[in-house]
N, C-alpha and C. Protein backbone atom coordinates (compact mmCIF):
# COMPACT_ATOMS: atom_id res chain seq x y z
N MET A 1 105.47 98.75 139.67
CA MET A 1 105.94 98.73 138.29
C MET A 1 104.94 99.49 137.41
N SER A 2 105.44 100.30 136.53
CA SER A 2 104.59 101.06 135.63
C SER A 2 103.95 100.16 134.59
N THR A 3 102.72 100.49 134.22
CA THR A 3 102.05 99.73 133.18
C THR A 3 102.16 100.43 131.82
N ALA A 4 102.92 101.52 131.77
CA ALA A 4 103.09 102.23 130.50
C ALA A 4 103.71 101.29 129.48
N GLY A 5 103.08 101.18 128.34
CA GLY A 5 103.57 100.32 127.28
C GLY A 5 103.17 98.87 127.42
N ALA A 6 102.45 98.54 128.48
CA ALA A 6 102.02 97.15 128.69
C ALA A 6 100.79 96.85 127.84
N VAL A 7 100.66 95.61 127.43
CA VAL A 7 99.49 95.17 126.68
C VAL A 7 98.34 95.01 127.66
N ARG A 8 97.21 95.60 127.34
CA ARG A 8 96.07 95.56 128.26
C ARG A 8 95.47 94.15 128.29
N PRO A 9 94.90 93.78 129.41
CA PRO A 9 94.24 92.47 129.50
C PRO A 9 93.10 92.39 128.47
N GLY A 10 92.93 91.25 127.87
CA GLY A 10 91.87 91.07 126.90
C GLY A 10 92.22 91.49 125.49
N TYR A 11 93.45 92.01 125.28
CA TYR A 11 93.86 92.43 123.94
C TYR A 11 93.87 91.23 123.00
N GLU A 12 93.34 91.44 121.79
CA GLU A 12 93.39 90.41 120.76
C GLU A 12 94.03 91.01 119.51
N HIS A 13 95.04 90.33 119.01
CA HIS A 13 95.72 90.80 117.80
C HIS A 13 94.82 90.57 116.59
N VAL A 14 94.76 91.57 115.71
CA VAL A 14 94.02 91.42 114.45
C VAL A 14 94.98 91.79 113.31
N SER A 15 94.76 91.20 112.15
CA SER A 15 95.59 91.51 110.99
C SER A 15 95.36 92.95 110.56
N LYS A 16 96.44 93.57 110.08
CA LYS A 16 96.36 94.96 109.63
C LYS A 16 97.00 95.08 108.26
N VAL A 17 96.67 96.16 107.58
CA VAL A 17 97.22 96.48 106.28
C VAL A 17 98.19 97.65 106.47
N VAL A 18 99.37 97.55 105.87
CA VAL A 18 100.38 98.61 105.96
C VAL A 18 100.55 99.23 104.58
N GLN A 19 100.41 100.56 104.53
CA GLN A 19 100.57 101.30 103.28
C GLN A 19 101.60 102.40 103.50
N PRO A 20 102.65 102.45 102.70
CA PRO A 20 103.58 103.57 102.84
C PRO A 20 102.93 104.85 102.33
N GLY A 21 103.16 105.94 103.04
CA GLY A 21 102.65 107.24 102.62
C GLY A 21 103.80 108.12 102.16
N ARG A 22 103.51 109.36 101.84
CA ARG A 22 104.58 110.26 101.40
C ARG A 22 105.43 110.67 102.60
N ALA A 23 106.72 110.79 102.38
CA ALA A 23 107.64 111.20 103.44
C ALA A 23 107.30 112.61 103.90
N VAL A 24 107.69 112.91 105.14
CA VAL A 24 107.39 114.21 105.73
C VAL A 24 108.70 114.86 106.18
N SER A 25 108.92 116.09 105.76
CA SER A 25 110.07 116.86 106.23
C SER A 25 109.61 117.67 107.44
N VAL A 26 110.28 117.45 108.58
CA VAL A 26 109.88 118.10 109.83
C VAL A 26 111.10 118.65 110.54
N ASN A 27 111.14 119.95 110.75
CA ASN A 27 112.18 120.60 111.55
C ASN A 27 113.58 120.11 111.21
N GLY A 28 113.89 120.02 109.93
CA GLY A 28 115.23 119.63 109.50
C GLY A 28 115.45 118.14 109.39
N GLY A 29 114.46 117.33 109.71
CA GLY A 29 114.58 115.88 109.59
C GLY A 29 113.63 115.34 108.55
N LEU A 30 113.79 114.08 108.21
CA LEU A 30 112.93 113.44 107.23
C LEU A 30 112.32 112.20 107.86
N LEU A 31 111.00 112.10 107.81
CA LEU A 31 110.29 110.97 108.39
C LEU A 31 109.54 110.20 107.30
N LYS A 32 109.72 108.90 107.27
CA LYS A 32 108.91 108.05 106.41
C LYS A 32 107.55 107.91 107.09
N TRP A 33 106.50 107.74 106.33
CA TRP A 33 105.13 107.68 106.86
C TRP A 33 104.50 106.35 106.49
N TYR A 34 103.93 105.67 107.46
CA TYR A 34 103.24 104.41 107.21
C TYR A 34 101.85 104.45 107.82
N ASP A 35 100.84 104.12 107.02
CA ASP A 35 99.47 103.99 107.52
C ASP A 35 99.25 102.52 107.88
N ILE A 36 98.84 102.27 109.11
CA ILE A 36 98.59 100.90 109.56
C ILE A 36 97.20 100.87 110.18
N ALA A 37 96.34 100.01 109.63
CA ALA A 37 94.96 99.91 110.13
C ALA A 37 94.38 98.58 109.66
N THR A 38 93.25 98.24 110.22
CA THR A 38 92.55 97.07 109.71
C THR A 38 91.99 97.42 108.34
N ALA A 39 91.84 96.41 107.49
CA ALA A 39 91.31 96.65 106.15
C ALA A 39 89.90 97.22 106.20
N ALA A 40 89.14 96.80 107.20
CA ALA A 40 87.74 97.23 107.32
C ALA A 40 87.58 98.63 107.90
N ALA A 41 88.63 99.15 108.55
CA ALA A 41 88.51 100.46 109.21
C ALA A 41 89.77 101.30 109.02
N PRO A 42 90.03 101.75 107.79
CA PRO A 42 91.21 102.59 107.57
C PRO A 42 91.08 103.92 108.32
N VAL A 43 92.21 104.54 108.62
CA VAL A 43 92.20 105.82 109.30
C VAL A 43 91.71 106.88 108.32
N PRO A 44 90.74 107.71 108.72
CA PRO A 44 90.21 108.74 107.82
C PRO A 44 91.29 109.75 107.41
N ALA A 45 91.18 110.27 106.20
CA ALA A 45 92.15 111.24 105.67
C ALA A 45 92.25 112.47 106.57
N GLU A 46 91.14 112.87 107.17
CA GLU A 46 91.17 114.05 108.05
C GLU A 46 92.06 113.81 109.27
N VAL A 47 92.05 112.60 109.79
CA VAL A 47 92.89 112.25 110.95
C VAL A 47 94.36 112.26 110.53
N ALA A 48 94.65 111.73 109.35
CA ALA A 48 96.03 111.73 108.85
C ALA A 48 96.54 113.16 108.71
N GLU A 49 95.71 114.05 108.20
CA GLU A 49 96.13 115.44 108.03
C GLU A 49 96.37 116.10 109.37
N LEU A 50 95.54 115.84 110.35
CA LEU A 50 95.76 116.38 111.71
C LEU A 50 97.09 115.88 112.27
N ALA A 51 97.40 114.61 112.04
CA ALA A 51 98.66 114.04 112.52
C ALA A 51 99.85 114.73 111.86
N ARG A 52 99.76 114.93 110.55
CA ARG A 52 100.85 115.60 109.84
C ARG A 52 101.04 117.04 110.35
N GLU A 53 99.94 117.72 110.60
CA GLU A 53 100.02 119.10 111.10
C GLU A 53 100.62 119.17 112.50
N ALA A 54 100.44 118.12 113.31
CA ALA A 54 100.94 118.11 114.69
C ALA A 54 102.42 117.74 114.80
N LEU A 55 102.99 117.17 113.76
CA LEU A 55 104.38 116.70 113.83
C LEU A 55 105.40 117.78 114.20
N PRO A 56 105.37 118.98 113.63
CA PRO A 56 106.39 119.97 113.99
C PRO A 56 106.44 120.28 115.49
N GLN A 57 105.30 120.32 116.13
CA GLN A 57 105.27 120.59 117.56
C GLN A 57 105.66 119.35 118.37
N ALA A 58 105.28 118.18 117.89
CA ALA A 58 105.58 116.94 118.61
C ALA A 58 107.07 116.58 118.52
N ALA A 59 107.72 116.98 117.45
CA ALA A 59 109.13 116.68 117.25
C ALA A 59 109.87 117.97 116.90
N PRO A 60 110.13 118.83 117.90
CA PRO A 60 110.67 120.15 117.62
C PRO A 60 112.10 120.18 117.09
N SER A 61 112.89 119.14 117.32
CA SER A 61 114.28 119.17 116.87
C SER A 61 114.65 117.85 116.21
N LEU A 62 114.68 117.85 114.89
CA LEU A 62 115.05 116.64 114.15
C LEU A 62 116.16 116.90 113.15
N ALA A 63 116.87 117.98 113.30
CA ALA A 63 117.89 118.38 112.32
C ALA A 63 118.81 117.22 111.97
N GLY A 64 118.81 116.87 110.69
CA GLY A 64 119.68 115.82 110.19
C GLY A 64 119.25 114.40 110.52
N GLU A 65 118.11 114.23 111.16
CA GLU A 65 117.66 112.91 111.58
C GLU A 65 116.78 112.24 110.52
N LEU A 66 116.77 110.93 110.55
CA LEU A 66 115.85 110.14 109.74
C LEU A 66 115.00 109.32 110.71
N GLY A 67 113.75 109.10 110.37
CA GLY A 67 112.88 108.31 111.25
C GLY A 67 111.64 107.87 110.51
N PHE A 68 110.64 107.45 111.26
CA PHE A 68 109.39 107.02 110.65
C PHE A 68 108.23 107.35 111.55
N VAL A 69 107.05 107.45 110.93
CA VAL A 69 105.80 107.70 111.62
C VAL A 69 104.89 106.53 111.31
N ILE A 70 104.29 105.98 112.33
CA ILE A 70 103.28 104.92 112.13
C ILE A 70 101.96 105.51 112.57
N ARG A 71 101.01 105.50 111.65
CA ARG A 71 99.70 106.07 111.95
C ARG A 71 98.68 104.98 111.85
């Protein structure tokens, strides 16, 4: 059985903060953007920008689609 998507042993859930970001238009589709991180360790703005820049290649065909990004 594949372990892809399985929770690793020793995982502990911690509370996180969710912040909606600006929507992203990608290859004809529209994606809502959500930043999710612990309050003590938010994702750096530089990482968010790299993620936004990578979306067109990661999702080459979204014409007419709606979706979301969790970062």
